[in-house]
PDB file of N, CA and C in Angstrom:
ATOM      1  N   MET A   1       7.293 -11.432  -0.835  1.00  0.00           N
ATOM      2  CA  MET A   1       7.601 -11.278   0.578  1.00  0.00           C
ATOM      3  C   MET A   1       6.291 -11.064   1.343  1.00  0.00           C
ATOM      4  N   GLU A   2       6.207 -11.616   2.521  1.00  0.00           N
ATOM      5  CA  GLU A   2       5.015 -11.491   3.337  1.00  0.00           C
ATOM      6  C   GLU A   2       4.910 -10.079   3.910  1.00  0.00           C
ATOM      7  N   ALA A   3       3.725  -9.489   3.828  1.00  0.00           N
ATOM      8  CA  ALA A   3       3.511  -8.098   4.235  1.00  0.00           C
ATOM      9  C   ALA A   3       3.896  -7.841   5.684  1.00  0.00           C
ATOM     10  N   ARG A   4       3.626  -8.797   6.572  1.00  0.00           N
ATOM     11  CA  ARG A   4       3.907  -8.578   7.998  1.00  0.00           C
ATOM     12  C   ARG A   4       5.372  -8.399   8.301  1.00  0.00           C
ATOM     13  N   ILE A   5       6.242  -8.997   7.477  1.00  0.00           N
ATOM     14  CA  ILE A   5       7.668  -8.900   7.772  1.00  0.00           C
ATOM     15  C   ILE A   5       8.361  -7.799   6.966  1.00  0.00           C
ATOM     16  N   MET A   6       7.614  -7.111   6.131  1.00  0.00           N
ATOM     17  CA  MET A   6       8.186  -6.007   5.358  1.00  0.00           C
ATOM     18  C   MET A   6       8.308  -4.766   6.237  1.00  0.00           C
ATOM     19  N   THR A   7       9.341  -3.973   5.993  1.00  0.00           N
ATOM     20  CA  THR A   7       9.430  -2.674   6.651  1.00  0.00           C
ATOM     21  C   THR A   7       8.390  -1.755   6.015  1.00  0.00           C
ATOM     22  N   ASP A   8       8.114  -0.636   6.660  1.00  0.00           N
ATOM     23  CA  ASP A   8       7.188   0.333   6.075  1.00  0.00           C
ATOM     24  C   ASP A   8       7.672   0.757   4.689  1.00  0.00           C
ATOM     25  N   HIS A   9       8.976   1.018   4.565  1.00  0.00           N
ATOM     26  CA  HIS A   9       9.535   1.448   3.275  1.00  0.00           C
ATOM     27  C   HIS A   9       9.321   0.386   2.203  1.00  0.00           C
ATOM     28  N   GLN A  10       9.570  -0.867   2.538  1.00  0.00           N
ATOM     29  CA  GLN A  10       9.390  -1.950   1.561  1.00  0.00           C
ATOM     30  C   GLN A  10       7.928  -2.093   1.158  1.00  0.00           C
ATOM     31  N   LEU A  11       7.034  -2.020   2.138  1.00  0.00           N
ATOM     32  CA  LEU A  11       5.610  -2.158   1.846  1.00  0.00           C
ATOM     33  C   LEU A  11       5.099  -0.958   1.048  1.00  0.00           C
ATOM     34  N   ASN A  12       5.543   0.235   1.405  1.00  0.00           N
ATOM     35  CA  ASN A  12       5.143   1.427   0.645  1.00  0.00           C
ATOM     36  C   ASN A  12       5.578   1.313  -0.812  1.00  0.00           C
ATOM     37  N   ARG A  13       6.805   0.867  -1.034  1.00  0.00           N
ATOM     38  CA  ARG A  13       7.301   0.735  -2.408  1.00  0.00           C
ATOM     39  C   ARG A  13       6.517  -0.321  -3.180  1.00  0.00           C
ATOM     40  N   ALA A  14       6.296  -1.464  -2.541  1.00  0.00           N
ATOM     41  CA  ALA A  14       5.555  -2.540  -3.210  1.00  0.00           C
ATOM     42  C   ALA A  14       4.146  -2.081  -3.571  1.00  0.00           C
ATOM     43  N   LEU A  15       3.487  -1.389  -2.657  1.00  0.00           N
ATOM     44  CA  LEU A  15       2.142  -0.884  -2.952  1.00  0.00           C
ATOM     45  C   LEU A  15       2.170   0.194  -4.026  1.00  0.00           C
ATOM     46  N   ALA A  16       3.169   1.071  -3.967  1.00  0.00           N
ATOM     47  CA  ALA A  16       3.282   2.123  -4.988  1.00  0.00           C
ATOM     48  C   ALA A  16       3.420   1.493  -6.369  1.00  0.00           C
ATOM     49  N   GLU A  17       4.225   0.451  -6.479  1.00  0.00           N
ATOM     50  CA  GLU A  17       4.372  -0.237  -7.759  1.00  0.00           C
ATOM     51  C   GLU A  17       3.046  -0.841  -8.198  1.00  0.00           C
ATOM     52  N   LEU A  18       2.318  -1.456  -7.259  1.00  0.00           N
ATOM     53  CA  LEU A  18       1.018  -2.036  -7.587  1.00  0.00           C
ATOM     54  C   LEU A  18      -0.009  -0.961  -7.949  1.00  0.00           C
ATOM     55  N   MET A  19       0.186   0.246  -7.438  1.00  0.00           N
ATOM     56  CA  MET A  19      -0.710   1.367  -7.741  1.00  0.00           C
ATOM     57  C   MET A  19      -0.330   2.071  -9.044  1.00  0.00           C
ATOM     58  N   GLY A  20       0.767   1.654  -9.665  1.00  0.00           N
ATOM     59  CA  GLY A  20       1.139   2.205 -10.963  1.00  0.00           C
ATOM     60  C   GLY A  20       2.310   3.161 -10.966  1.00  0.00           C
ATOM     61  N   TYR A  21       2.953   3.355  -9.814  1.00  0.00           N
ATOM     62  CA  TYR A  21       4.128   4.224  -9.763  1.00  0.00           C
ATOM     63  C   TYR A  21       5.325   3.513 -10.387  1.00  0.00           C
ATOM     64  N   THR A  22       6.154   4.272 -11.054  1.00  0.00           N
ATOM     65  CA  THR A  22       7.401   3.763 -11.616  1.00  0.00           C
ATOM     66  C   THR A  22       8.500   4.767 -11.328  1.00  0.00           C
ATOM     67  N   VAL A  23       9.733   4.330 -11.526  1.00  0.00           N
ATOM     68  CA  VAL A  23      10.892   5.208 -11.374  1.00  0.00           C
ATOM     69  C   VAL A  23      11.666   5.179 -12.683  1.00  0.00           C
ATOM     70  N   GLU A  24      12.057   6.350 -13.152  1.00  0.00           N
ATOM     71  CA  GLU A  24      12.825   6.454 -14.398  1.00  0.00           C
ATOM     72  C   GLU A  24      14.078   7.278 -14.158  1.00  0.00           C
ATOM     73  N   TRP A  25      15.167   6.910 -14.860  1.00  0.00           N
ATOM     74  CA  TRP A  25      16.424   7.635 -14.797  1.00  0.00           C
ATOM     75  C   TRP A  25      16.560   8.483 -16.053  1.00  0.00           C
ATOM     76  N   SER A  26      16.873   9.757 -15.879  1.00  0.00           N
ATOM     77  CA  SER A  26      17.118  10.644 -17.015  1.00  0.00           C
ATOM     78  C   SER A  26      18.615  10.875 -17.139  1.00  0.00           C
ATOM     79  N   LYS A  27      19.204  10.359 -18.218  1.00  0.00           N
ATOM     80  CA  LYS A  27      20.637  10.558 -18.436  1.00  0.00           C
ATOM     81  C   LYS A  27      20.960  12.029 -18.656  1.00  0.00           C
ATOM     82  N   THR A  28      20.096  12.731 -19.381  1.00  0.00           N
ATOM     83  CA  THR A  28      20.381  14.133 -19.699  1.00  0.00           C
ATOM     84  C   THR A  28      20.331  15.016 -18.457  1.00  0.00           C
ATOM     85  N   GLN A  29      19.387  14.744 -17.567  1.00  0.00           N
ATOM     86  CA  GLN A  29      19.265  15.561 -16.356  1.00  0.00           C
ATOM     87  C   GLN A  29      19.981  14.940 -15.153  1.00  0.00           C
ATOM     88  N   GLU A  30      20.432  13.699 -15.324  1.00  0.00           N
ATOM     89  CA  GLU A  30      21.079  12.953 -14.251  1.00  0.00           C
ATOM     90  C   GLU A  30      20.244  12.978 -12.974  1.00  0.00           C
ATOM     91  N   ARG A  31      18.983  12.601 -13.143  1.00  0.00           N
ATOM     92  CA  ARG A  31      18.036  12.596 -12.025  1.00  0.00           C
ATOM     93  C   ARG A  31      17.097  11.403 -12.151  1.00  0.00           C
ATOM     94  N   TRP A  32      16.647  10.926 -11.009  1.00  0.00           N
ATOM     95  CA  TRP A  32      15.589   9.941 -10.939  1.00  0.00           C
ATOM     96  C   TRP A  32      14.255  10.666 -10.884  1.00  0.00           C
ATOM     97  N   SER A  33      13.243  10.095 -11.495  1.00  0.00           N
ATOM     98  CA  SER A  33      11.891  10.645 -11.418  1.00  0.00           C
ATOM     99  C   SER A  33      10.933   9.565 -10.955  1.00  0.00           C
ATOM    100  N   LEU A  34      10.106   9.918  -9.988  1.00  0.00           N
ATOM    101  CA  LEU A  34       9.015   9.053  -9.563  1.00  0.00           C
ATOM    102  C   LEU A  34       7.814   9.443 -10.409  1.00  0.00           C
ATOM    103  N   MET A  35       7.281   8.467 -11.128  1.00  0.00           N
ATOM    104  CA  MET A  35       6.221   8.734 -12.102  1.00  0.00           C
ATOM    105  C   MET A  35       4.941   8.009 -11.698  1.00  0.00           C
ATOM    106  N   LEU A  36       3.819   8.641 -11.982  1.00  0.00           N
ATOM    107  CA  LEU A  36       2.519   7.983 -11.920  1.00  0.00           C
ATOM    108  C   LEU A  36       1.906   8.212 -13.284  1.00  0.00           C
ATOM    109  N   GLY A  37       1.919   7.166 -14.074  1.00  0.00           N
ATOM    110  CA  GLY A  37       1.543   7.323 -15.480  1.00  0.00           C
ATOM    111  C   GLY A  37       2.620   8.154 -16.160  1.00  0.00           C
ATOM    112  N   ARG A  38       2.213   9.219 -16.820  1.00  0.00           N
ATOM    113  CA  ARG A  38       3.172  10.102 -17.487  1.00  0.00           C
ATOM    114  C   ARG A  38       3.490  11.339 -16.653  1.00  0.00           C
ATOM    115  N   LYS A  39       2.938  11.409 -15.455  1.00  0.00           N
ATOM    116  CA  LYS A  39       3.121  12.580 -14.600  1.00  0.00           C
ATOM    117  C   LYS A  39       4.262  12.368 -13.605  1.00  0.00           C
ATOM    118  N   ILE A  40       5.170  13.316 -13.558  1.00  0.00           N
ATOM    119  CA  ILE A  40       6.284  13.277 -12.603  1.00  0.00           C
ATOM    120  C   ILE A  40       5.767  13.701 -11.230  1.00  0.00           C
ATOM    121  N   ARG A  41       5.991  12.856 -10.230  1.00  0.00           N
ATOM    122  CA  ARG A  41       5.565  13.147  -8.861  1.00  0.00           C
ATOM    123  C   ARG A  41       6.701  13.694  -8.009  1.00  0.00           C
ATOM    124  N   ALA A  42       7.942  13.312  -8.338  1.00  0.00           N
ATOM    125  CA  ALA A  42       9.110  13.789  -7.585  1.00  0.00           C
ATOM    126  C   ALA A  42      10.358  13.493  -8.407  1.00  0.00           C
ATOM    127  N   THR A  43      11.413  14.273  -8.155  1.00  0.00           N
ATOM    128  CA  THR A  43      12.704  14.015  -8.791  1.00  0.00           C
ATOM    129  C   THR A  43      13.795  14.102  -7.735  1.00  0.00           C
ATOM    130  N   SER A  44      14.906  13.409  -8.010  1.00  0.00           N
ATOM    131  CA  SER A  44      16.031  13.423  -7.083  1.00  0.00           C
ATOM    132  C   SER A  44      17.291  13.001  -7.823  1.00  0.00           C
ATOM    133  N   SER A  45      18.399  13.611  -7.448  1.00  0.00           N
ATOM    134  CA  SER A  45      19.682  13.199  -8.008  1.00  0.00           C
ATOM    135  C   SER A  45      20.337  12.128  -7.132  1.00  0.00           C
ATOM    136  N   GLY A  46      19.632  11.698  -6.094  1.00  0.00           N
ATOM    137  CA  GLY A  46      20.147  10.651  -5.203  1.00  0.00           C
ATOM    138  C   GLY A  46      20.038   9.285  -5.837  1.00  0.00           C
ATOM    139  N   THR A  47      19.764   8.293  -5.024  1.00  0.00           N
ATOM    140  CA  THR A  47      19.693   6.914  -5.499  1.00  0.00           C
ATOM    141  C   THR A  47      18.265   6.536  -5.882  1.00  0.00           C
ATOM    142  N   GLU A  48      18.149   5.415  -6.576  1.00  0.00           N
ATOM    143  CA  GLU A  48      16.818   4.912  -6.918  1.00  0.00           C
ATOM    144  C   GLU A  48      16.029   4.601  -5.650  1.00  0.00           C
ATOM    145  N   ASP A  49      16.695   4.030  -4.659  1.00  0.00           N
ATOM    146  CA  ASP A  49      16.018   3.732  -3.404  1.00  0.00           C
ATOM    147  C   ASP A  49      15.493   5.009  -2.747  1.00  0.00           C
ATOM    148  N   LEU A  50      16.258   6.077  -2.837  1.00  0.00           N
ATOM    149  CA  LEU A  50      15.835   7.348  -2.250  1.00  0.00           C
ATOM    150  C   LEU A  50      14.578   7.887  -2.924  1.00  0.00           C
ATOM    151  N   ILE A  51      14.502   7.817  -4.244  1.00  0.00           N
ATOM    152  CA  ILE A  51      13.340   8.391  -4.931  1.00  0.00           C
ATOM    153  C   ILE A  51      12.059   7.655  -4.538  1.00  0.00           C
ATOM    154  N   TRP A  52      12.163   6.363  -4.217  1.00  0.00           N
ATOM    155  CA  TRP A  52      10.971   5.631  -3.787  1.00  0.00           C
ATOM    156  C   TRP A  52      10.425   6.150  -2.456  1.00  0.00           C
ATOM    157  N   THR A  53      11.245   6.825  -1.657  1.00  0.00           N
ATOM    158  CA  THR A  53      10.748   7.371  -0.390  1.00  0.00           C
ATOM    159  C   THR A  53       9.756   8.505  -0.624  1.00  0.00           C
ATOM    160  N   TYR A  54       9.687   9.017  -1.845  1.00  0.00           N
ATOM    161  CA  TYR A  54       8.730  10.071  -2.191  1.00  0.00           C
ATOM    162  C   TYR A  54       7.373   9.508  -2.614  1.00  0.00           C
ATOM    163  N   ALA A  55       7.261   8.187  -2.710  1.00  0.00           N
ATOM    164  CA  ALA A  55       5.974   7.553  -3.002  1.00  0.00           C
ATOM    165  C   ALA A  55       5.053   7.753  -1.796  1.00  0.00           C
ATOM    166  N   PRO A  56       3.755   7.607  -1.988  1.00  0.00           N
ATOM    167  CA  PRO A  56       2.845   7.766  -0.845  1.00  0.00           C
ATOM    168  C   PRO A  56       3.223   6.849   0.312  1.00  0.00           C
ATOM    169  N   ASP A  57       3.036   7.354   1.514  1.00  0.00           N
ATOM    170  CA  ASP A  57       3.356   6.606   2.728  1.00  0.00           C
ATOM    171  C   ASP A  57       2.095   5.886   3.209  1.00  0.00           C
ATOM    172  N   TYR A  58       1.798   4.780   2.563  1.00  0.00           N
ATOM    173  CA  TYR A  58       0.582   4.036   2.862  1.00  0.00           C
ATOM    174  C   TYR A  58       0.570   3.475   4.281  1.00  0.00           C
ATOM    175  N   CYS A  59       1.732   3.265   4.870  1.00  0.00           N
ATOM    176  CA  CYS A  59       1.828   2.617   6.179  1.00  0.00           C
ATOM    177  C   CYS A  59       1.576   3.547   7.359  1.00  0.00           C
ATOM    178  N   THR A  60       1.756   4.852   7.187  1.00  0.00           N
ATOM    179  CA  THR A  60       1.558   5.755   8.319  1.00  0.00           C
ATOM    180  C   THR A  60       0.622   6.926   8.015  1.00  0.00           C
ATOM    181  N   ASP A  61       0.410   7.243   6.762  1.00  0.00           N
ATOM    182  CA  ASP A  61      -0.448   8.372   6.391  1.00  0.00           C
ATOM    183  C   ASP A  61      -1.883   7.880   6.185  1.00  0.00           C
ATOM    184  N   PRO A  62      -2.808   8.296   7.055  1.00  0.00           N
ATOM    185  CA  PRO A  62      -4.189   7.826   6.923  1.00  0.00           C
ATOM    186  C   PRO A  62      -4.797   8.107   5.539  1.00  0.00           C
ATOM    187  N   ALA A  63      -4.533   9.272   4.973  1.00  0.00           N
ATOM    188  CA  ALA A  63      -5.095   9.596   3.657  1.00  0.00           C
ATOM    189  C   ALA A  63      -4.557   8.666   2.573  1.00  0.00           C
ATOM    190  N   ALA A  64      -3.266   8.390   2.605  1.00  0.00           N
ATOM    191  CA  ALA A  64      -2.672   7.492   1.615  1.00  0.00           C
ATOM    192  C   ALA A  64      -3.201   6.072   1.782  1.00  0.00           C
ATOM    193  N   SER A  65      -3.389   5.641   3.027  1.00  0.00           N
ATOM    194  CA  SER A  65      -3.907   4.286   3.247  1.00  0.00           C
ATOM    195  C   SER A  65      -5.346   4.170   2.760  1.00  0.00           C
ATOM    196  N   LEU A  66      -6.107   5.241   2.872  1.00  0.00           N
ATOM    197  CA  LEU A  66      -7.474   5.221   2.347  1.00  0.00           C
ATOM    198  C   LEU A  66      -7.476   5.242   0.822  1.00  0.00           C
ATOM    199  N   GLU A  67      -6.474   5.879   0.231  1.00  0.00           N
ATOM    200  CA  GLU A  67      -6.333   5.886  -1.230  1.00  0.00           C
ATOM    201  C   GLU A  67      -6.105   4.471  -1.754  1.00  0.00           C
ATOM    202  N   VAL A  68      -5.204   3.732  -1.127  1.00  0.00           N
ATOM    203  CA  VAL A  68      -4.944   2.363  -1.572  1.00  0.00           C
ATOM    204  C   VAL A  68      -6.129   1.468  -1.242  1.00  0.00           C
ATOM    205  N   GLN A  69      -6.796   1.733  -0.138  1.00  0.00           N
ATOM    206  CA  GLN A  69      -7.990   0.965   0.212  1.00  0.00           C
ATOM    207  C   GLN A  69      -9.077   1.151  -0.849  1.00  0.00           C
ATOM    208  N   THR A  70      -9.282   2.370  -1.299  1.00  0.00           N
ATOM    209  CA  THR A  70     -10.272   2.640  -2.344  1.00  0.00           C
ATOM    210  C   THR A  70      -9.953   1.866  -3.611  1.00  0.00           C
ATOM    211  N   LYS A  71      -8.682   1.860  -4.001  1.00  0.00           N
ATOM    212  CA  LYS A  71      -8.258   1.153  -5.206  1.00  0.00           C
ATOM    213  C   LYS A  71      -8.471  -0.351  -5.066  1.00  0.00           C
ATOM    214  N   VAL A  72      -8.074  -0.913  -3.938  1.00  0.00           N
ATOM    215  CA  VAL A  72      -8.187  -2.360  -3.768  1.00  0.00           C
ATOM    216  C   VAL A  72      -9.645  -2.784  -3.673  1.00  0.00           C
ATOM    217  N   ILE A  73     -10.512  -1.950  -3.143  1.00  0.00           N
ATOM    218  CA  ILE A  73     -11.939  -2.269  -3.102  1.00  0.00           C
ATOM    219  C   ILE A  73     -12.503  -2.341  -4.519  1.00  0.00           C
ATOM    220  N   GLU A  74     -12.014  -1.490  -5.411  1.00  0.00           N
ATOM    221  CA  GLU A  74     -12.439  -1.551  -6.816  1.00  0.00           C
ATOM    222  C   GLU A  74     -11.999  -2.862  -7.464  1.00  0.00           C
ATOM    223  N   VAL A  75     -10.849  -3.364  -7.055  1.00  0.00           N
ATOM    224  CA  VAL A  75     -10.281  -4.581  -7.650  1.00  0.00           C
ATOM    225  C   VAL A  75     -10.921  -5.844  -7.056  1.00  0.00           C
ATOM    226  N   ASP A  76     -11.016  -5.918  -5.726  1.00  0.00           N
ATOM    227  CA  ASP A  76     -11.526  -7.121  -5.069  1.00  0.00           C
ATOM    228  C   ASP A  76     -12.022  -6.753  -3.674  1.00  0.00           C
ATOM    229  N   ALA A  77     -13.229  -6.235  -3.593  1.00  0.00           N
ATOM    230  CA  ALA A  77     -13.774  -5.760  -2.320  1.00  0.00           C
ATOM    231  C   ALA A  77     -13.882  -6.879  -1.285  1.00  0.00           C
ATOM    232  N   GLN A  78     -14.417  -8.012  -1.680  1.00  0.00           N
ATOM    233  CA  GLN A  78     -14.600  -9.104  -0.724  1.00  0.00           C
ATOM    234  C   GLN A  78     -13.258  -9.654  -0.255  1.00  0.00           C
ATOM    235  N   GLY A  79     -12.313  -9.814  -1.176  1.00  0.00           N
ATOM    236  CA  GLY A  79     -10.993 -10.296  -0.790  1.00  0.00           C
ATOM    237  C   GLY A  79     -10.321  -9.346   0.185  1.00  0.00           C
ATOM    238  N   TYR A  80     -10.444  -8.046  -0.079  1.00  0.00           N
ATOM    239  CA  TYR A  80      -9.848  -7.053   0.819  1.00  0.00           C
ATOM    240  C   TYR A  80     -10.492  -7.127   2.202  1.00  0.00           C
ATOM    241  N   LEU A  81     -11.800  -7.239   2.239  1.00  0.00           N
ATOM    242  CA  LEU A  81     -12.504  -7.300   3.512  1.00  0.00           C
ATOM    243  C   LEU A  81     -12.024  -8.484   4.347  1.00  0.00           C
ATOM    244  N   TYR A  82     -11.907  -9.647   3.722  1.00  0.00           N
ATOM    245  CA  TYR A  82     -11.436 -10.825   4.441  1.00  0.00           C
ATOM    246  C   TYR A  82      -9.974 -10.667   4.865  1.00  0.00           C
ATOM    247  N   ASN A  83      -9.145 -10.109   3.996  1.00  0.00           N
ATOM    248  CA  ASN A  83      -7.738  -9.905   4.358  1.00  0.00           C
ATOM    249  C   ASN A  83      -7.591  -8.879   5.475  1.00  0.00           C
ATOM    250  N   LEU A  84      -8.391  -7.808   5.431  1.00  0.00           N
ATOM    251  CA  LEU A  84      -8.340  -6.810   6.499  1.00  0.00           C
ATOM    252  C   LEU A  84      -8.766  -7.438   7.823  1.00  0.00           C
ATOM    253  N   ALA A  85      -9.815  -8.241   7.794  1.00  0.00           N
ATOM    254  CA  ALA A  85     -10.272  -8.907   9.022  1.00  0.00           C
ATOM    255  C   ALA A  85      -9.177  -9.803   9.581  1.00  0.00           C
ATOM    256  N   THR A  86      -8.492 -10.523   8.710  1.00  0.00           N
ATOM    257  CA  THR A  86      -7.417 -11.409   9.149  1.00  0.00           C
ATOM    258  C   THR A  86      -6.250 -10.628   9.738  1.00  0.00           C
ATOM    259  N   VAL A  87      -5.850  -9.542   9.063  1.00  0.00           N
ATOM    260  CA  VAL A  87      -4.731  -8.726   9.551  1.00  0.00           C
ATOM    261  C   VAL A  87      -5.073  -8.085  10.892  1.00  0.00           C
ATOM    262  N   VAL A  88      -6.247  -7.506  10.996  1.00  0.00           N
ATOM    263  CA  VAL A  88      -6.630  -6.762  12.196  1.00  0.00           C
ATOM    264  C   VAL A  88      -6.916  -7.680  13.379  1.00  0.00           C
ATOM    265  N   ASN A  89      -7.635  -8.771  13.117  1.00  0.00           N
ATOM    266  CA  ASN A  89      -8.075  -9.633  14.215  1.00  0.00           C
ATOM    267  C   ASN A  89      -7.098 -10.750  14.539  1.00  0.00           C
ATOM    268  N   GLY A  90      -6.120 -10.988  13.658  1.00  0.00           N
ATOM    269  CA  GLY A  90      -5.077 -11.956  13.950  1.00  0.00           C
ATOM    270  C   GLY A  90      -5.440 -13.403  13.686  1.00  0.00           C
ATOM    271  N   TYR A  91      -6.550 -13.642  13.043  1.00  0.00           N
ATOM    272  CA  TYR A  91      -6.937 -15.000  12.685  1.00  0.00           C
ATOM    273  C   TYR A  91      -7.768 -14.943  11.412  1.00  0.00           C
ATOM    274  N   GLU A  92      -7.851 -16.081  10.727  1.00  0.00           N
ATOM    275  CA  GLU A  92      -8.548 -16.111   9.450  1.00  0.00           C
ATOM    276  C   GLU A  92     -10.010 -15.721   9.628  1.00  0.00           C
ATOM    277  N   ALA A  93     -10.463 -14.868   8.756  1.00  0.00           N
ATOM    278  CA  ALA A  93     -11.820 -14.347   8.843  1.00  0.00           C
ATOM    279  C   ALA A  93     -12.856 -15.425   8.544  1.00  0.00           C
ATOM    280  N   ALA A  94     -13.993 -15.298   9.198  1.00  0.00           N
ATOM    281  CA  ALA A  94     -15.128 -16.187   8.950  1.00  0.00           C
ATOM    282  C   ALA A  94     -16.119 -15.475   8.033  1.00  0.00           C
ATOM    283  N   ASP A  95     -17.191 -16.148   7.715  1.00  0.00           N
ATOM    284  CA  ASP A  95     -18.220 -15.528   6.875  1.00  0.00           C
ATOM    285  C   ASP A  95     -19.108 -14.568   7.658  1.00  0.00           C
ATOM    286  N   ILE A  96     -19.202 -14.777   8.958  1.00  0.00           N
ATOM    287  CA  ILE A  96     -20.019 -13.914   9.809  1.00  0.00           C
ATOM    288  C   ILE A  96     -19.114 -13.391  10.921  1.00  0.00           C
ATOM    289  N   TRP A  97     -19.155 -12.068  11.113  1.00  0.00           N
ATOM    290  CA  TRP A  97     -18.300 -11.451  12.122  1.00  0.00           C
ATOM    291  C   TRP A  97     -19.114 -10.967  13.306  1.00  0.00           C
ATOM    292  N   GLU A  98     -18.451 -11.006  14.453  1.00  0.00           N
ATOM    293  CA  GLU A  98     -19.033 -10.429  15.656  1.00  0.00           C
ATOM    294  C   GLU A  98     -18.856  -8.915  15.587  1.00  0.00           C
ATOM    295  N   ASP A  99     -19.648  -8.206  16.370  1.00  0.00           N
ATOM    296  CA  ASP A  99     -19.576  -6.744  16.374  1.00  0.00           C
ATOM    297  C   ASP A  99     -18.174  -6.231  16.685  1.00  0.00           C
ATOM    298  N   ASP A 100     -17.490  -6.842  17.658  1.00  0.00           N
ATOM    299  CA  ASP A 100     -16.156  -6.363  18.030  1.00  0.00           C
ATOM    300  C   ASP A 100     -15.153  -6.558  16.896  1.00  0.00           C
ATOM    301  N   GLU A 101     -15.342  -7.594  16.076  1.00  0.00           N
ATOM    302  CA  GLU A 101     -14.468  -7.805  14.928  1.00  0.00           C
ATOM    303  C   GLU A 101     -14.692  -6.725  13.870  1.00  0.00           C
ATOM    304  N   ILE A 102     -15.926  -6.371  13.644  1.00  0.00           N
ATOM    305  CA  ILE A 102     -16.255  -5.309  12.678  1.00  0.00           C
ATOM    306  C   ILE A 102     -15.704  -3.980  13.172  1.00  0.00           C
ATOM    307  N   ILE A 103     -15.889  -3.706  14.441  1.00  0.00           N
ATOM    308  CA  ILE A 103     -15.385  -2.453  15.018  1.00  0.00           C
ATOM    309  C   ILE A 103     -13.871  -2.381  14.885  1.00  0.00           C
ATOM    310  N   SER A 104     -13.178  -3.481  15.115  1.00  0.00           N
ATOM    311  CA  SER A 104     -11.715  -3.463  14.984  1.00  0.00           C
ATOM    312  C   SER A 104     -11.299  -3.184  13.545  1.00  0.00           C
ATOM    313  N   MET A 105     -12.060  -3.669  12.570  1.00  0.00           N
ATOM    314  CA  MET A 105     -11.741  -3.379  11.166  1.00  0.00           C
ATOM    315  C   MET A 105     -11.979  -1.899  10.847  1.00  0.00           C
ATOM    316  N   LEU A 106     -13.020  -1.324  11.424  1.00  0.00           N
ATOM    317  CA  LEU A 106     -13.288   0.099  11.205  1.00  0.00           C
ATOM    318  C   LEU A 106     -12.194   0.972  11.809  1.00  0.00           C
ATOM    319  N   LYS A 107     -11.533   0.459  12.857  1.00  0.00           N
ATOM    320  CA  LYS A 107     -10.461   1.205  13.517  1.00  0.00           C
ATOM    321  C   LYS A 107      -9.070   0.790  13.038  1.00  0.00           C
ATOM    322  N   ALA A 108      -8.998   0.112  11.884  1.00  0.00           N
ATOM    323  CA  ALA A 108      -7.709  -0.360  11.362  1.00  0.00           C
ATOM    324  C   ALA A 108      -6.724   0.793  11.206  1.00  0.00           C
ATOM    325  N   THR A 109      -5.470   0.520  11.514  1.00  0.00           N
ATOM    326  CA  THR A 109      -4.411   1.512  11.337  1.00  0.00           C
ATOM    327  C   THR A 109      -4.037   1.592   9.854  1.00  0.00           C
ATOM    328  N   PRO A 110      -3.366   2.663   9.451  1.00  0.00           N
ATOM    329  CA  PRO A 110      -2.884   2.724   8.072  1.00  0.00           C
ATOM    330  C   PRO A 110      -2.023   1.510   7.708  1.00  0.00           C
ATOM    331  N   ARG A 111      -1.168   1.064   8.613  1.00  0.00           N
ATOM    332  CA  ARG A 111      -0.315  -0.094   8.342  1.00  0.00           C
ATOM    333  C   ARG A 111      -1.165  -1.343   8.097  1.00  0.00           C
ATOM    334  N   GLU A 112      -2.193  -1.545   8.904  1.00  0.00           N
ATOM    335  CA  GLU A 112      -3.059  -2.708   8.720  1.00  0.00           C
ATOM    336  C   GLU A 112      -3.800  -2.642   7.383  1.00  0.00           C
ATOM    337  N   ARG A 113      -4.285  -1.455   7.011  1.00  0.00           N
ATOM    338  CA  ARG A 113      -4.948  -1.310   5.707  1.00  0.00           C
ATOM    339  C   ARG A 113      -3.951  -1.580   4.580  1.00  0.00           C
ATOM    340  N   ALA A 114      -2.719  -1.103   4.745  1.00  0.00           N
ATOM    341  CA  ALA A 114      -1.688  -1.310   3.720  1.00  0.00           C
ATOM    342  C   ALA A 114      -1.358  -2.801   3.580  1.00  0.00           C
ATOM    343  N   GLU A 115      -1.216  -3.502   4.690  1.00  0.00           N
ATOM    344  CA  GLU A 115      -0.924  -4.930   4.634  1.00  0.00           C
ATOM    345  C   GLU A 115      -2.047  -5.691   3.937  1.00  0.00           C
ATOM    346  N   ALA A 116      -3.293  -5.405   4.314  1.00  0.00           N
ATOM    347  CA  ALA A 116      -4.436  -6.091   3.703  1.00  0.00           C
ATOM    348  C   ALA A 116      -4.532  -5.773   2.214  1.00  0.00           C
ATOM    349  N   ALA A 117      -4.254  -4.529   1.840  1.00  0.00           N
ATOM    350  CA  ALA A 117      -4.281  -4.151   0.424  1.00  0.00           C
ATOM    351  C   ALA A 117      -3.207  -4.899  -0.349  1.00  0.00           C
ATOM    352  N   TYR A 118      -2.008  -4.975   0.195  1.00  0.00           N
ATOM    353  CA  TYR A 118      -0.914  -5.680  -0.465  1.00  0.00           C
ATOM    354  C   TYR A 118      -1.258  -7.147  -0.664  1.00  0.00           C
ATOM    355  N   ILE A 119      -1.749  -7.793   0.385  1.00  0.00           N
ATOM    356  CA  ILE A 119      -2.119  -9.207   0.289  1.00  0.00           C
ATOM    357  C   ILE A 119      -3.169  -9.406  -0.808  1.00  0.00           C
ATOM    358  N   THR A 120      -4.144  -8.527  -0.835  1.00  0.00           N
ATOM    359  CA  THR A 120      -5.234  -8.647  -1.819  1.00  0.00           C
ATOM    360  C   THR A 120      -4.725  -8.409  -3.235  1.00  0.00           C
ATOM    361  N   LEU A 121      -3.946  -7.375  -3.428  1.00  0.00           N
ATOM    362  CA  LEU A 121      -3.453  -7.050  -4.779  1.00  0.00           C
ATOM    363  C   LEU A 121      -2.450  -8.075  -5.302  1.00  0.00           C
ATOM    364  N   GLN A 122      -1.782  -8.779  -4.388  1.00  0.00           N
ATOM    365  CA  GLN A 122      -0.850  -9.826  -4.799  1.00  0.00           C
ATOM    366  C   GLN A 122      -1.584 -11.061  -5.310  1.00  0.00           C
ATOM    367  N   GLY A 123      -2.875 -11.151  -4.993  1.00  0.00           N
ATOM    368  CA  GLY A 123      -3.691 -12.267  -5.475  1.00  0.00           C
ATOM    369  C   GLY A 123      -3.443 -13.483  -4.658  1.00  0.00           C
TER     370      GLY A 123
END
């Protein structure tokens, strides 16, 4: 699915999965667990969809968006930079940017960073 048409919840879940989060059901405890590796991050007796709401909010939380940005830079820094430029500036990035284009990337919103990260991590 294209990042621009995803809801914040859908994009947060997709990024959480790409960041290594999983959800597990415990029959004995009758609870869902949001996991990062072997560490439980949250539990809920609600639905699977509900437990995903406990994943980081990459679309609105500046700290979470910087966390995913750090990860995606480790994976593909140049790809992320071009995708961020495209998301923020609204047109395909060139090899050389004007100052106002660079400034707009520095002022990217959490949602814009999340979209660019998703596009980059999807390959």
